Each structure stands twice: as C-alpha cells, then as structure tokens.
Amino acid sequence: MRIYSSFDEIDKDLKILRLQTEIDKEEIKLSIDQTKESLSLVSIAGNIVGSIIQKALVLKAVSKIIGVKKVVTSTRK
C-alpha cells in the first residue's frame, strides 16, 4: 500500500488511473471491432474459399510428388 505525502501525489495517481482506464476501454472497443470484422459473412466466406483453394493446391502438389493418378470410374451400365 502506497503512502501519500500530499494531495498532489494522490491527484497525479488518480489521473494516471483514469488514463489507464480510458486506454483499456479503447483496447476493448478495438478488440470488439476486430472480432466483429473477423466474424462477418464476407470474412468467413473468404476464409472458407481460401481454405478450399489451399487444400486443393496441396492435394495437387502431393499427388504430383507421390505420383498418384486419378482413377475415373464409369457409372454407365
């Protein structure tokens, strides 16, 4: 526990605490905005499409490296 020797010291610490509170509030606002942005429909759709493309490219690269060929089966009778 801090012991103060003047009201000026108390006022200074109170001002610092108020400023820290304001900074914390702004950080929370930014965090909320970033969360909203990352959960937007456009962002989610973009992430899904990007993931599908990435997996397709990896699959293609792996199949070329390993030498796996597609097997096409006919469903005609």
Protein backbone atom coordinates (compact mmCIF):
# COMPACT_ATOMS: atom_id res chain seq x y z
CA MET A 1 0.00 0.00 0.00
CA ARG A 2 1.33 3.35 -1.00
CA ILE A 3 1.54 6.18 1.50
CA TYR A 4 0.97 9.63 0.08
CA SER A 5 2.57 12.75 1.44
CA SER A 6 0.46 15.27 -0.47
CA PHE A 7 -2.79 15.70 -2.32
CA ASP A 8 -0.81 16.40 -5.48
CA GLU A 9 0.56 12.84 -5.40
CA ILE A 10 -2.95 11.48 -4.98
CA ASP A 11 -4.24 13.62 -7.84
CA LYS A 12 -1.37 12.51 -10.06
CA ASP A 13 -2.07 8.82 -9.39
CA LEU A 14 -5.80 9.33 -9.93
CA LYS A 15 -5.11 10.99 -13.26
CA ILE A 16 -2.87 8.09 -14.29
CA LEU A 17 -5.54 5.59 -13.28
CA ARG A 18 -8.20 7.47 -15.26
CA LEU A 19 -5.96 7.50 -18.33
CA GLN A 20 -5.23 3.78 -17.94
CA THR A 21 -8.97 3.13 -17.70
CA GLU A 22 -9.55 5.09 -20.92
CA ILE A 23 -6.79 3.14 -22.67
CA ASP A 24 -8.34 -0.14 -21.50
CA LYS A 25 -11.75 0.94 -22.78
CA GLU A 26 -10.31 1.82 -26.19
CA GLU A 27 -8.48 -1.52 -26.36
CA ILE A 28 -11.76 -3.31 -25.63
CA LYS A 29 -13.53 -1.32 -28.36
CA LEU A 30 -10.80 -2.22 -30.85
CA SER A 31 -10.97 -5.85 -29.84
CA ILE A 32 -14.75 -5.91 -30.29
CA ASP A 33 -14.43 -4.29 -33.73
CA GLN A 34 -11.79 -6.81 -34.79
CA THR A 35 -13.96 -9.68 -33.58
CA LYS A 36 -16.98 -8.35 -35.46
CA GLU A 37 -14.86 -7.96 -38.56
CA SER A 38 -13.48 -11.49 -38.33
CA LEU A 39 -16.98 -12.91 -37.85
CA SER A 40 -18.52 -11.05 -40.78
CA LEU A 41 -20.11 -13.11 -43.54
CA VAL A 42 -17.66 -11.85 -46.15
CA SER A 43 -14.68 -12.71 -43.98
CA ILE A 44 -15.98 -16.19 -43.18
CA ALA A 45 -16.78 -16.88 -46.85
CA GLY A 46 -13.33 -15.65 -47.86
CA ASN A 47 -11.69 -17.89 -45.28
CA ILE A 48 -13.66 -20.91 -46.49
CA VAL A 49 -12.83 -20.28 -50.15
CA GLY A 50 -9.18 -19.67 -49.29
CA SER A 51 -9.04 -22.87 -47.28
CA ILE A 52 -10.60 -24.91 -50.09
CA ILE A 53 -8.18 -23.47 -52.64
CA GLN A 54 -5.24 -24.10 -50.34
CA LYS A 55 -6.26 -27.72 -49.76
CA ALA A 56 -6.79 -28.27 -53.49
CA LEU A 57 -3.32 -26.91 -54.26
CA VAL A 58 -1.71 -29.02 -51.55
CA LEU A 59 -3.52 -32.12 -52.79
CA LYS A 60 -2.39 -31.43 -56.33
CA ALA A 61 1.21 -30.88 -55.23
CA VAL A 62 1.25 -34.01 -53.10
CA SER A 63 -0.26 -36.11 -55.87
CA LYS A 64 2.43 -34.87 -58.29
CA ILE A 65 5.18 -35.64 -55.80
CA ILE A 66 3.87 -39.08 -54.96
CA GLY A 67 2.75 -39.83 -58.49
CA VAL A 68 -0.83 -40.68 -57.62
CA LYS A 69 -3.13 -40.62 -60.61
CA LYS A 70 -6.84 -40.10 -60.64
CA VAL A 71 -8.93 -43.16 -61.23
CA VAL A 72 -12.05 -42.39 -63.20
CA THR A 73 -14.81 -44.95 -62.96
CA SER A 74 -17.73 -45.07 -65.28
CA THR A 75 -21.20 -45.45 -63.81
CA ARG A 76 -22.71 -46.44 -67.16
CA LYS A 77 -24.15 -49.89 -67.47
